[in-house]
Amino acid sequence: AALEALSRFDEPLPDAPTDPAETLALLDEVGSPATVATTGGRYF
């Protein structure tokens, strides 16, 4: 599900400026679940 959600990043370049808070929220909500937890204790 996290990998499929990455398609949300595939959008047209905005014509006008976007709210930075909205950009950060999208980055976290879609990007964070799609990470590999290499910085945790069980990645080998």
Full PDB file with SEQRES, HELIX, SHEET, SSBOND, CRYST1, ORIGX, SCALE, CONECT and MASTER records, all heavy atoms in Angstrom:
SEQRES   1 A   44  ALA ALA LEU GLU ALA LEU SER ARG PHE ASP GLU PRO LEU          
SEQRES   2 A   44  PRO ASP ALA PRO THR ASP PRO ALA GLU THR LEU ALA LEU          
SEQRES   3 A   44  LEU ASP GLU VAL GLY SER PRO ALA THR VAL ALA THR THR          
SEQRES   4 A   44  GLY GLY ARG TYR PHE                                          
HELIX    1 AA1 ALA A    2  ALA A    5  1                                   4    
HELIX    2 AA2 LEU A    6  PHE A    9  5                                   4    
HELIX    3 AA3 PRO A   20  LEU A   26  1                                   7    
HELIX    4 AA4 LEU A   27  GLY A   31  3                                   5    
HELIX    5 AA5 SER A   32  ALA A   34  5                                   3    
CRYST1    1.000    1.000    1.000  90.00  90.00  90.00 P 1           1          
ORIGX1      1.000000  0.000000  0.000000        0.00000                         
ORIGX2      0.000000  1.000000  0.000000        0.00000                         
ORIGX3      0.000000  0.000000  1.000000        0.00000                         
SCALE1      1.000000  0.000000  0.000000        0.00000                         
SCALE2      0.000000  1.000000  0.000000        0.00000                         
SCALE3      0.000000  0.000000  1.000000        0.00000                         
ATOM      1  N   ALA A   1       0.833  -1.209   0.000  1.00  0.00           N  
ATOM      2  CA  ALA A   1       0.000   0.000   0.000  1.00  0.00           C  
ATOM      3  C   ALA A   1       0.867   1.259   0.000  1.00  0.00           C  
ATOM      4  O   ALA A   1       0.569   2.235  -0.699  1.00  0.00           O  
ATOM      5  CB  ALA A   1      -0.927  -0.002   1.212  1.00  0.00           C  
ATOM      6  N   ALA A   2       1.933   1.225   0.780  1.00  0.00           N  
ATOM      7  CA  ALA A   2       2.835   2.376   0.834  1.00  0.00           C  
ATOM      8  C   ALA A   2       3.509   2.602  -0.514  1.00  0.00           C  
ATOM      9  O   ALA A   2       3.683   3.747  -0.953  1.00  0.00           O  
ATOM     10  CB  ALA A   2       3.879   2.174   1.926  1.00  0.00           C  
ATOM     11  N   LEU A   3       3.889   1.519  -1.164  1.00  0.00           N  
ATOM     12  CA  LEU A   3       4.543   1.647  -2.472  1.00  0.00           C  
ATOM     13  C   LEU A   3       3.565   2.140  -3.536  1.00  0.00           C  
ATOM     14  O   LEU A   3       3.922   2.958  -4.398  1.00  0.00           O  
ATOM     15  CB  LEU A   3       5.155   0.306  -2.877  1.00  0.00           C  
ATOM     16  CG  LEU A   3       6.295  -0.195  -1.966  1.00  0.00           C  
ATOM     17  CD1 LEU A   3       6.767  -1.563  -2.432  1.00  0.00           C  
ATOM     18  CD2 LEU A   3       7.460   0.788  -1.940  1.00  0.00           C  
ATOM     19  N   GLU A   4       2.333   1.661  -3.475  1.00  0.00           N  
ATOM     20  CA  GLU A   4       1.335   2.111  -4.440  1.00  0.00           C  
ATOM     21  C   GLU A   4       1.016   3.595  -4.253  1.00  0.00           C  
ATOM     22  O   GLU A   4       0.765   4.317  -5.220  1.00  0.00           O  
ATOM     23  CB  GLU A   4       0.062   1.272  -4.299  1.00  0.00           C  
ATOM     24  CG  GLU A   4       0.228  -0.159  -4.796  1.00  0.00           C  
ATOM     25  CD  GLU A   4      -0.928  -1.054  -4.360  1.00  0.00           C  
ATOM     26  OE1 GLU A   4      -1.907  -0.514  -3.793  1.00  0.00           O  
ATOM     27  OE2 GLU A   4      -0.845  -2.268  -4.592  1.00  0.00           O  
ATOM     28  N   ALA A   5       1.071   4.057  -3.008  1.00  0.00           N  
ATOM     29  CA  ALA A   5       0.749   5.463  -2.721  1.00  0.00           C  
ATOM     30  C   ALA A   5       1.781   6.424  -3.306  1.00  0.00           C  
ATOM     31  O   ALA A   5       1.511   7.621  -3.446  1.00  0.00           O  
ATOM     32  CB  ALA A   5       0.641   5.670  -1.217  1.00  0.00           C  
ATOM     33  N   LEU A   6       2.953   5.913  -3.668  1.00  0.00           N  
ATOM     34  CA  LEU A   6       3.982   6.772  -4.255  1.00  0.00           C  
ATOM     35  C   LEU A   6       3.519   7.412  -5.559  1.00  0.00           C  
ATOM     36  O   LEU A   6       4.094   8.414  -6.010  1.00  0.00           O  
ATOM     37  CB  LEU A   6       5.265   5.968  -4.496  1.00  0.00           C  
ATOM     38  CG  LEU A   6       6.035   5.535  -3.242  1.00  0.00           C  
ATOM     39  CD1 LEU A   6       7.181   4.612  -3.618  1.00  0.00           C  
ATOM     40  CD2 LEU A   6       6.556   6.752  -2.484  1.00  0.00           C  
ATOM     41  N   SER A   7       2.485   6.853  -6.172  1.00  0.00           N  
ATOM     42  CA  SER A   7       1.952   7.429  -7.413  1.00  0.00           C  
ATOM     43  C   SER A   7       1.430   8.845  -7.181  1.00  0.00           C  
ATOM     44  O   SER A   7       1.296   9.627  -8.131  1.00  0.00           O  
ATOM     45  CB  SER A   7       0.840   6.542  -7.978  1.00  0.00           C  
ATOM     46  OG  SER A   7      -0.234   6.448  -7.058  1.00  0.00           O  
ATOM     47  N   ARG A   8       1.152   9.197  -5.925  1.00  0.00           N  
ATOM     48  CA  ARG A   8       0.680  10.555  -5.621  1.00  0.00           C  
ATOM     49  C   ARG A   8       1.753  11.600  -5.905  1.00  0.00           C  
ATOM     50  O   ARG A   8       1.448  12.780  -6.088  1.00  0.00           O  
ATOM     51  CB  ARG A   8       0.226  10.644  -4.164  1.00  0.00           C  
ATOM     52  CG  ARG A   8      -1.050   9.873  -3.864  1.00  0.00           C  
ATOM     53  CD  ARG A   8      -1.417   9.939  -2.391  1.00  0.00           C  
ATOM     54  NE  ARG A   8      -1.609  11.307  -1.914  1.00  0.00           N  
ATOM     55  CZ  ARG A   8      -1.750  11.621  -0.632  1.00  0.00           C  
ATOM     56  NH1 ARG A   8      -1.689  10.660   0.300  1.00  0.00           N  
ATOM     57  NH2 ARG A   8      -1.912  12.887  -0.273  1.00  0.00           N  
ATOM     58  N   PHE A   9       2.999  11.187  -5.927  1.00  0.00           N  
ATOM     59  CA  PHE A   9       4.077  12.119  -6.268  1.00  0.00           C  
ATOM     60  C   PHE A   9       4.122  12.423  -7.772  1.00  0.00           C  
ATOM     61  O   PHE A   9       4.718  13.406  -8.201  1.00  0.00           O  
ATOM     62  CB  PHE A   9       5.432  11.554  -5.851  1.00  0.00           C  
ATOM     63  CG  PHE A   9       5.682  11.544  -4.360  1.00  0.00           C  
ATOM     64  CD1 PHE A   9       6.421  10.520  -3.778  1.00  0.00           C  
ATOM     65  CD2 PHE A   9       5.191  12.553  -3.546  1.00  0.00           C  
ATOM     66  CE1 PHE A   9       6.677  10.507  -2.409  1.00  0.00           C  
ATOM     67  CE2 PHE A   9       5.429  12.552  -2.168  1.00  0.00           C  
ATOM     68  CZ  PHE A   9       6.167  11.525  -1.598  1.00  0.00           C  
ATOM     69  N   ASP A  10       3.508  11.549  -8.554  1.00  0.00           N  
ATOM     70  CA  ASP A  10       3.567  11.679 -10.011  1.00  0.00           C  
ATOM     71  C   ASP A  10       2.455  12.619 -10.474  1.00  0.00           C  
ATOM     72  O   ASP A  10       1.400  12.199 -10.958  1.00  0.00           O  
ATOM     73  CB  ASP A  10       3.420  10.301 -10.661  1.00  0.00           C  
ATOM     74  CG  ASP A  10       3.626  10.349 -12.163  1.00  0.00           C  
ATOM     75  OD1 ASP A  10       4.132  11.375 -12.660  1.00  0.00           O  
ATOM     76  OD2 ASP A  10       3.272   9.366 -12.839  1.00  0.00           O  
ATOM     77  N   GLU A  11       2.690  13.913 -10.317  1.00  0.00           N  
ATOM     78  CA  GLU A  11       1.698  14.921 -10.654  1.00  0.00           C  
ATOM     79  C   GLU A  11       2.339  15.975 -11.545  1.00  0.00           C  
ATOM     80  O   GLU A  11       3.570  16.105 -11.581  1.00  0.00           O  
ATOM     81  CB  GLU A  11       1.158  15.575  -9.375  1.00  0.00           C  
ATOM     82  CG  GLU A  11       2.232  16.230  -8.532  1.00  0.00           C  
ATOM     83  CD  GLU A  11       1.688  16.852  -7.251  1.00  0.00           C  
ATOM     84  OE1 GLU A  11       0.461  16.919  -7.085  1.00  0.00           O  
ATOM     85  OE2 GLU A  11       2.513  17.286  -6.419  1.00  0.00           O  
ATOM     86  N   PRO A  12       1.547  16.747 -12.258  1.00  0.00           N  
ATOM     87  CA  PRO A  12       2.111  17.813 -13.095  1.00  0.00           C  
ATOM     88  C   PRO A  12       2.791  18.871 -12.229  1.00  0.00           C  
ATOM     89  O   PRO A  12       2.412  19.092 -11.071  1.00  0.00           O  
ATOM     90  CB  PRO A  12       0.891  18.395 -13.816  1.00  0.00           C  
ATOM     91  CG  PRO A  12      -0.182  17.374 -13.675  1.00  0.00           C  
ATOM     92  CD  PRO A  12       0.078  16.650 -12.404  1.00  0.00           C  
ATOM     93  N   LEU A  13       3.787  19.535 -12.784  1.00  0.00           N  
ATOM     94  CA  LEU A  13       4.433  20.630 -12.081  1.00  0.00           C  
ATOM     95  C   LEU A  13       3.418  21.746 -11.860  1.00  0.00           C  
ATOM     96  O   LEU A  13       2.762  22.197 -12.807  1.00  0.00           O  
ATOM     97  CB  LEU A  13       5.615  21.158 -12.895  1.00  0.00           C  
ATOM     98  CG  LEU A  13       6.317  22.409 -12.349  1.00  0.00           C  
ATOM     99  CD1 LEU A  13       7.033  22.083 -11.048  1.00  0.00           C  
ATOM    100  CD2 LEU A  13       7.290  22.968 -13.377  1.00  0.00           C  
ATOM    101  N   PRO A  14       3.250  22.211 -10.611  1.00  0.00           N  
ATOM    102  CA  PRO A  14       2.282  23.293 -10.370  1.00  0.00           C  
ATOM    103  C   PRO A  14       2.632  24.553 -11.150  1.00  0.00           C  
ATOM    104  O   PRO A  14       3.814  24.903 -11.290  1.00  0.00           O  
ATOM    105  CB  PRO A  14       2.394  23.531  -8.865  1.00  0.00           C  
ATOM    106  CG  PRO A  14       2.970  22.261  -8.305  1.00  0.00           C  
ATOM    107  CD  PRO A  14       3.878  21.732  -9.374  1.00  0.00           C  
ATOM    108  N   ASP A  15       1.623  25.235 -11.645  1.00  0.00           N  
ATOM    109  CA  ASP A  15       1.846  26.492 -12.359  1.00  0.00           C  
ATOM    110  C   ASP A  15       2.123  27.637 -11.398  1.00  0.00           C  
ATOM    111  O   ASP A  15       2.787  28.612 -11.751  1.00  0.00           O  
ATOM    112  CB  ASP A  15       0.616  26.839 -13.218  1.00  0.00           C  
ATOM    113  CG  ASP A  15       0.451  25.877 -14.385  1.00  0.00           C  
ATOM    114  OD1 ASP A  15       1.484  25.434 -14.931  1.00  0.00           O  
ATOM    115  OD2 ASP A  15      -0.696  25.560 -14.730  1.00  0.00           O  
ATOM    116  N   ALA A  16       1.606  27.534 -10.190  1.00  0.00           N  
ATOM    117  CA  ALA A  16       1.747  28.610  -9.202  1.00  0.00           C  
ATOM    118  C   ALA A  16       2.383  28.046  -7.932  1.00  0.00           C  
ATOM    119  O   ALA A  16       2.450  26.830  -7.746  1.00  0.00           O  
ATOM    120  CB  ALA A  16       0.376  29.208  -8.904  1.00  0.00           C  
ATOM    121  N   PRO A  17       2.853  28.913  -7.045  1.00  0.00           N  
ATOM    122  CA  PRO A  17       3.429  28.436  -5.778  1.00  0.00           C  
ATOM    123  C   PRO A  17       2.429  27.609  -4.977  1.00  0.00           C  
ATOM    124  O   PRO A  17       1.212  27.810  -5.057  1.00  0.00           O  
ATOM    125  CB  PRO A  17       3.782  29.731  -5.040  1.00  0.00           C  
ATOM    126  CG  PRO A  17       3.983  30.742  -6.119  1.00  0.00           C  
ATOM    127  CD  PRO A  17       2.985  30.374  -7.184  1.00  0.00           C  
ATOM    128  N   THR A  18       2.952  26.663  -4.206  1.00  0.00           N  
ATOM    129  CA  THR A  18       2.144  25.787  -3.350  1.00  0.00           C  
ATOM    130  C   THR A  18       2.487  26.062  -1.898  1.00  0.00           C  
ATOM    131  O   THR A  18       3.636  26.365  -1.569  1.00  0.00           O  
ATOM    132  CB  THR A  18       2.431  24.312  -3.685  1.00  0.00           C  
ATOM    133  OG1 THR A  18       2.213  24.084  -5.073  1.00  0.00           O  
ATOM    134  CG2 THR A  18       1.544  23.378  -2.878  1.00  0.00           C  
ATOM    135  N   ASP A  19       1.525  25.927  -1.024  1.00  0.00           N  
ATOM    136  CA  ASP A  19       1.738  26.134   0.409  1.00  0.00           C  
ATOM    137  C   ASP A  19       2.834  25.182   0.901  1.00  0.00           C  
ATOM    138  O   ASP A  19       2.699  23.959   0.761  1.00  0.00           O  
ATOM    139  CB  ASP A  19       0.433  25.860   1.148  1.00  0.00           C  
ATOM    140  CG  ASP A  19       0.562  26.042   2.656  1.00  0.00           C  
ATOM    141  OD1 ASP A  19       1.635  26.489   3.122  1.00  0.00           O  
ATOM    142  OD2 ASP A  19      -0.408  25.721   3.369  1.00  0.00           O  
ATOM    143  N   PRO A  20       3.935  25.690   1.476  1.00  0.00           N  
ATOM    144  CA  PRO A  20       5.012  24.815   1.960  1.00  0.00           C  
ATOM    145  C   PRO A  20       4.530  23.779   2.970  1.00  0.00           C  
ATOM    146  O   PRO A  20       5.022  22.646   2.986  1.00  0.00           O  
ATOM    147  CB  PRO A  20       6.002  25.792   2.591  1.00  0.00           C  
ATOM    148  CG  PRO A  20       5.734  27.097   1.929  1.00  0.00           C  
ATOM    149  CD  PRO A  20       4.271  27.108   1.646  1.00  0.00           C  
ATOM    150  N   ALA A  21       3.567  24.152   3.828  1.00  0.00           N  
ATOM    151  CA  ALA A  21       3.056  23.200   4.819  1.00  0.00           C  
ATOM    152  C   ALA A  21       2.355  22.027   4.138  1.00  0.00           C  
ATOM    153  O   ALA A  21       2.453  20.880   4.586  1.00  0.00           O  
ATOM    154  CB  ALA A  21       2.101  23.905   5.780  1.00  0.00           C  
ATOM    155  N   GLU A  22       1.642  22.331   3.050  1.00  0.00           N  
ATOM    156  CA  GLU A  22       0.968  21.260   2.306  1.00  0.00           C  
ATOM    157  C   GLU A  22       2.003  20.340   1.643  1.00  0.00           C  
ATOM    158  O   GLU A  22       1.840  19.117   1.615  1.00  0.00           O  
ATOM    159  CB  GLU A  22       0.056  21.881   1.245  1.00  0.00           C  
ATOM    160  CG  GLU A  22      -0.682  20.861   0.396  1.00  0.00           C  
ATOM    161  CD  GLU A  22      -1.398  21.500  -0.781  1.00  0.00           C  
ATOM    162  OE1 GLU A  22      -1.772  22.693  -0.670  1.00  0.00           O  
ATOM    163  OE2 GLU A  22      -1.561  20.821  -1.803  1.00  0.00           O  
ATOM    164  N   THR A  23       3.049  20.931   1.110  1.00  0.00           N  
ATOM    165  CA  THR A  23       4.117  20.143   0.487  1.00  0.00           C  
ATOM    166  C   THR A  23       4.783  19.230   1.507  1.00  0.00           C  
ATOM    167  O   THR A  23       5.036  18.046   1.239  1.00  0.00           O  
ATOM    168  CB  THR A  23       5.160  21.083  -0.147  1.00  0.00           C  
ATOM    169  OG1 THR A  23       4.524  21.856  -1.173  1.00  0.00           O  
ATOM    170  CG2 THR A  23       6.318  20.296  -0.745  1.00  0.00           C  
ATOM    171  N   LEU A  24       5.071  19.764   2.691  1.00  0.00           N  
ATOM    172  CA  LEU A  24       5.698  18.960   3.738  1.00  0.00           C  
ATOM    173  C   LEU A  24       4.770  17.829   4.172  1.00  0.00           C  
ATOM    174  O   LEU A  24       5.222  16.689   4.386  1.00  0.00           O  
ATOM    175  CB  LEU A  24       6.052  19.846   4.939  1.00  0.00           C  
ATOM    176  CG  LEU A  24       6.704  19.127   6.116  1.00  0.00           C  
ATOM    177  CD1 LEU A  24       8.083  18.582   5.727  1.00  0.00           C  
ATOM    178  CD2 LEU A  24       6.840  20.055   7.321  1.00  0.00           C  
ATOM    179  N   ALA A  25       3.485  18.114   4.308  1.00  0.00           N  
ATOM    180  CA  ALA A  25       2.523  17.085   4.716  1.00  0.00           C  
ATOM    181  C   ALA A  25       2.486  15.946   3.709  1.00  0.00           C  
ATOM    182  O   ALA A  25       2.479  14.766   4.078  1.00  0.00           O  
ATOM    183  CB  ALA A  25       1.134  17.699   4.889  1.00  0.00           C  
ATOM    184  N   LEU A  26       2.474  16.296   2.419  1.00  0.00           N  
ATOM    185  CA  LEU A  26       2.469  15.257   1.389  1.00  0.00           C  
ATOM    186  C   LEU A  26       3.752  14.426   1.458  1.00  0.00           C  
ATOM    187  O   LEU A  26       3.716  13.190   1.344  1.00  0.00           O  
ATOM    188  CB  LEU A  26       2.326  15.895   0.008  1.00  0.00           C  
ATOM    189  CG  LEU A  26       2.375  14.937  -1.189  1.00  0.00           C  
ATOM    190  CD1 LEU A  26       1.182  13.979  -1.163  1.00  0.00           C  
ATOM    191  CD2 LEU A  26       2.410  15.719  -2.500  1.00  0.00           C  
ATOM    192  N   LEU A  27       4.869  15.093   1.639  1.00  0.00           N  
ATOM    193  CA  LEU A  27       6.153  14.399   1.727  1.00  0.00           C  
ATOM    194  C   LEU A  27       6.154  13.387   2.864  1.00  0.00           C  
ATOM    195  O   LEU A  27       6.607  12.242   2.707  1.00  0.00           O  
ATOM    196  CB  LEU A  27       7.272  15.419   1.926  1.00  0.00           C  
ATOM    197  CG  LEU A  27       8.695  14.884   1.997  1.00  0.00           C  
ATOM    198  CD1 LEU A  27       9.095  14.221   0.689  1.00  0.00           C  
ATOM    199  CD2 LEU A  27       9.665  16.011   2.344  1.00  0.00           C  
ATOM    200  N   ASP A  28       5.615  13.789   4.006  1.00  0.00           N  
ATOM    201  CA  ASP A  28       5.593  12.901   5.169  1.00  0.00           C  
ATOM    202  C   ASP A  28       4.559  11.791   5.001  1.00  0.00           C  
ATOM    203  O   ASP A  28       4.858  10.608   5.212  1.00  0.00           O  
ATOM    204  CB  ASP A  28       5.296  13.723   6.422  1.00  0.00           C  
ATOM    205  CG  ASP A  28       5.239  12.872   7.680  1.00  0.00           C  
ATOM    206  OD1 ASP A  28       5.940  11.846   7.740  1.00  0.00           O  
ATOM    207  OD2 ASP A  28       4.491  13.237   8.608  1.00  0.00           O  
ATOM    208  N   GLU A  29       3.365  12.151   4.600  1.00  0.00           N  
ATOM    209  CA  GLU A  29       2.274  11.174   4.552  1.00  0.00           C  
ATOM    210  C   GLU A  29       2.496  10.098   3.495  1.00  0.00           C  
ATOM    211  O   GLU A  29       2.094   8.941   3.675  1.00  0.00           O  
ATOM    212  CB  GLU A  29       0.951  11.909   4.296  1.00  0.00           C  
ATOM    213  CG  GLU A  29       0.517  12.770   5.479  1.00  0.00           C  
ATOM    214  CD  GLU A  29      -0.536  13.795   5.114  1.00  0.00           C  
ATOM    215  OE1 GLU A  29      -1.071  13.720   3.986  1.00  0.00           O  
ATOM    216  OE2 GLU A  29      -0.816  14.686   5.946  1.00  0.00           O  
ATOM    217  N   VAL A  30       3.155  10.464   2.390  1.00  0.00           N  
ATOM    218  CA  VAL A  30       3.418   9.488   1.338  1.00  0.00           C  
ATOM    219  C   VAL A  30       4.847   8.952   1.408  1.00  0.00           C  
ATOM    220  O   VAL A  30       5.088   7.759   1.244  1.00  0.00           O  
ATOM    221  CB  VAL A  30       3.151  10.110  -0.055  1.00  0.00           C  
ATOM    222  CG1 VAL A  30       3.498   9.115  -1.154  1.00  0.00           C  
ATOM    223  CG2 VAL A  30       1.703  10.550  -0.169  1.00  0.00           C  
ATOM    224  N   GLY A  31       5.794   9.829   1.670  1.00  0.00           N  
ATOM    225  CA  GLY A  31       7.196   9.417   1.660  1.00  0.00           C  
ATOM    226  C   GLY A  31       7.611   8.591   2.859  1.00  0.00           C  
ATOM    227  O   GLY A  31       8.310   7.579   2.711  1.00  0.00           O  
ATOM    228  N   SER A  32       7.181   8.966   4.061  1.00  0.00           N  
ATOM    229  CA  SER A  32       7.645   8.266   5.263  1.00  0.00           C  
ATOM    230  C   SER A  32       7.259   6.783   5.280  1.00  0.00           C  
ATOM    231  O   SER A  32       8.094   5.929   5.603  1.00  0.00           O  
ATOM    232  CB  SER A  32       7.124   8.974   6.522  1.00  0.00           C  
ATOM    233  OG  SER A  32       7.726  10.240   6.656  1.00  0.00           O  
ATOM    234  N   PRO A  33       6.012   6.425   4.948  1.00  0.00           N  
ATOM    235  CA  PRO A  33       5.672   4.996   4.948  1.00  0.00           C  
ATOM    236  C   PRO A  33       6.418   4.181   3.891  1.00  0.00           C  
ATOM    237  O   PRO A  33       6.502   2.961   3.991  1.00  0.00           O  
ATOM    238  CB  PRO A  33       4.167   4.988   4.676  1.00  0.00           C  
ATOM    239  CG  PRO A  33       3.697   6.347   5.045  1.00  0.00           C  
ATOM    240  CD  PRO A  33       4.820   7.260   4.694  1.00  0.00           C  
ATOM    241  N   ALA A  34       6.948   4.862   2.868  1.00  0.00           N  
ATOM    242  CA  ALA A  34       7.620   4.145   1.775  1.00  0.00           C  
ATOM    243  C   ALA A  34       9.120   4.014   1.999  1.00  0.00           C  
ATOM    244  O   ALA A  34       9.835   3.559   1.100  1.00  0.00           O  
ATOM    245  CB  ALA A  34       7.358   4.859   0.456  1.00  0.00           C  
ATOM    246  N   THR A  35       9.586   4.391   3.162  1.00  0.00           N  
ATOM    247  CA  THR A  35      11.014   4.239   3.453  1.00  0.00           C  
ATOM    248  C   THR A  35      11.334   2.826   3.913  1.00  0.00           C  
ATOM    249  O   THR A  35      10.472   2.102   4.436  1.00  0.00           O  
ATOM    250  CB  THR A  35      11.463   5.217   4.556  1.00  0.00           C  
ATOM    251  OG1 THR A  35      10.701   4.950   5.746  1.00  0.00           O  
ATOM    252  CG2 THR A  35      11.268   6.659   4.134  1.00  0.00           C  
ATOM    253  N   VAL A  36      12.584   2.435   3.725  1.00  0.00           N  
ATOM    254  CA  VAL A  36      13.119   1.209   4.328  1.00  0.00           C  
ATOM    255  C   VAL A  36      13.733   1.631   5.659  1.00  0.00           C  
ATOM    256  O   VAL A  36      14.500   2.594   5.727  1.00  0.00           O  
ATOM    257  CB  VAL A  36      14.180   0.565   3.418  1.00  0.00           C  
ATOM    258  CG1 VAL A  36      14.776  -0.675   4.084  1.00  0.00           C  
ATOM    259  CG2 VAL A  36      13.571   0.206   2.071  1.00  0.00           C  
ATOM    260  N   ALA A  37      13.395   0.924   6.727  1.00  0.00           N  
ATOM    261  CA  ALA A  37      13.790   1.340   8.077  1.00  0.00           C  
ATOM    262  C   ALA A  37      15.255   1.002   8.366  1.00  0.00           C  
ATOM    263  O   ALA A  37      15.576   0.306   9.331  1.00  0.00           O  
ATOM    264  CB  ALA A  37      12.872   0.702   9.110  1.00  0.00           C  
ATOM    265  N   THR A  38      16.143   1.530   7.531  1.00  0.00           N  
ATOM    266  CA  THR A  38      17.571   1.251   7.716  1.00  0.00           C  
ATOM    267  C   THR A  38      18.123   1.902   8.963  1.00  0.00           C  
ATOM    268  O   THR A  38      19.160   1.475   9.480  1.00  0.00           O  
ATOM    269  CB  THR A  38      18.368   1.742   6.498  1.00  0.00           C  
ATOM    270  OG1 THR A  38      18.051   3.116   6.268  1.00  0.00           O  
ATOM    271  CG2 THR A  38      18.018   0.940   5.250  1.00  0.00           C  
ATOM    272  N   THR A  39      17.484   2.944   9.448  1.00  0.00           N  
ATOM    273  CA  THR A  39      17.993   3.613  10.638  1.00  0.00           C  
ATOM    274  C   THR A  39      17.469   2.990  11.929  1.00  0.00           C  
ATOM    275  O   THR A  39      17.804   3.449  13.013  1.00  0.00           O  
ATOM    276  CB  THR A  39      17.643   5.123  10.589  1.00  0.00           C  
ATOM    277  OG1 THR A  39      18.499   5.830  11.480  1.00  0.00           O  
ATOM    278  CG2 THR A  39      16.186   5.375  10.944  1.00  0.00           C  
ATOM    279  N   GLY A  40      16.681   1.933  11.800  1.00  0.00           N  
ATOM    280  CA  GLY A  40      16.197   1.218  12.971  1.00  0.00           C  
ATOM    281  C   GLY A  40      17.146   0.109  13.388  1.00  0.00           C  
ATOM    282  O   GLY A  40      18.262  -0.001  12.888  1.00  0.00           O  
ATOM    283  N   GLY A  41      16.695  -0.745  14.273  1.00  0.00           N  
ATOM    284  CA  GLY A  41      17.572  -1.758  14.844  1.00  0.00           C  
ATOM    285  C   GLY A  41      17.492  -3.129  14.208  1.00  0.00           C  
ATOM    286  O   GLY A  41      18.201  -4.049  14.633  1.00  0.00           O  
ATOM    287  N   ARG A  42      16.641  -3.307  13.167  1.00  0.00           N  
ATOM    288  CA  ARG A  42      16.454  -4.652  12.625  1.00  0.00           C  
ATOM    289  C   ARG A  42      16.674  -4.711  11.114  1.00  0.00           C  
ATOM    290  O   ARG A  42      16.130  -5.561  10.432  1.00  0.00           O  
ATOM    291  CB  ARG A  42      15.043  -5.149  12.983  1.00  0.00           C  
ATOM    292  CG  ARG A  42      14.879  -5.437  14.472  1.00  0.00           C  
ATOM    293  CD  ARG A  42      13.454  -5.821  14.860  1.00  0.00           C  
ATOM    294  NE  ARG A  42      12.591  -4.643  14.952  1.00  0.00           N  
ATOM    295  CZ  ARG A  42      11.651  -4.320  14.087  1.00  0.00           C  
ATOM    296  NH1 ARG A  42      11.428  -5.097  13.032  1.00  0.00           N  
ATOM    297  NH2 ARG A  42      10.922  -3.233  14.250  1.00  0.00           N  
ATOM    298  N   TYR A  43      17.504  -3.817  10.605  1.00  0.00           N  
ATOM    299  CA  TYR A  43      17.881  -3.876   9.200  1.00  0.00           C  
ATOM    300  C   TYR A  43      19.279  -4.463   9.093  1.00  0.00           C  
ATOM    301  O   TYR A  43      20.241  -3.900   9.638  1.00  0.00           O  
ATOM    302  CB  TYR A  43      17.860  -2.486   8.554  1.00  0.00           C  
ATOM    303  CG  TYR A  43      18.241  -2.562   7.088  1.00  0.00           C  
ATOM    304  CD1 TYR A  43      17.294  -2.881   6.125  1.00  0.00           C  
ATOM    305  CD2 TYR A  43      19.554  -2.379   6.681  1.00  0.00           C  
ATOM    306  CE1 TYR A  43      17.639  -2.997   4.791  1.00  0.00           C  
ATOM    307  CE2 TYR A  43      19.916  -2.492   5.354  1.00  0.00           C  
ATOM    308  CZ  TYR A  43      18.957  -2.806   4.410  1.00  0.00           C  
ATOM    309  OH  TYR A  43      19.307  -2.940   3.097  1.00  0.00           O  
ATOM    310  N   PHE A  44      19.394  -5.591   8.389  1.00  0.00           N  
ATOM    311  CA  PHE A  44      20.675  -6.291   8.276  1.00  0.00           C  
ATOM    312  C   PHE A  44      21.012  -6.627   6.825  1.00  0.00           C  
ATOM    313  O   PHE A  44      21.793  -7.525   6.549  1.00  0.00           O  
ATOM    314  CB  PHE A  44      20.647  -7.592   9.103  1.00  0.00           C  
ATOM    315  CG  PHE A  44      20.158  -7.407  10.510  1.00  0.00           C  
ATOM    316  CD1 PHE A  44      18.948  -7.971  10.923  1.00  0.00           C  
ATOM    317  CD2 PHE A  44      20.889  -6.659  11.421  1.00  0.00           C  
ATOM    318  CE1 PHE A  44      18.491  -7.799  12.229  1.00  0.00           C  
ATOM    319  CE2 PHE A  44      20.433  -6.480  12.723  1.00  0.00           C  
ATOM    320  CZ  PHE A  44      19.231  -7.044  13.129  1.00  0.00           C  
TER     321      PHE A  44                                                      
MASTER        0    0    0    5    0    0    0    6  320    1    0    4          
END                                                                             
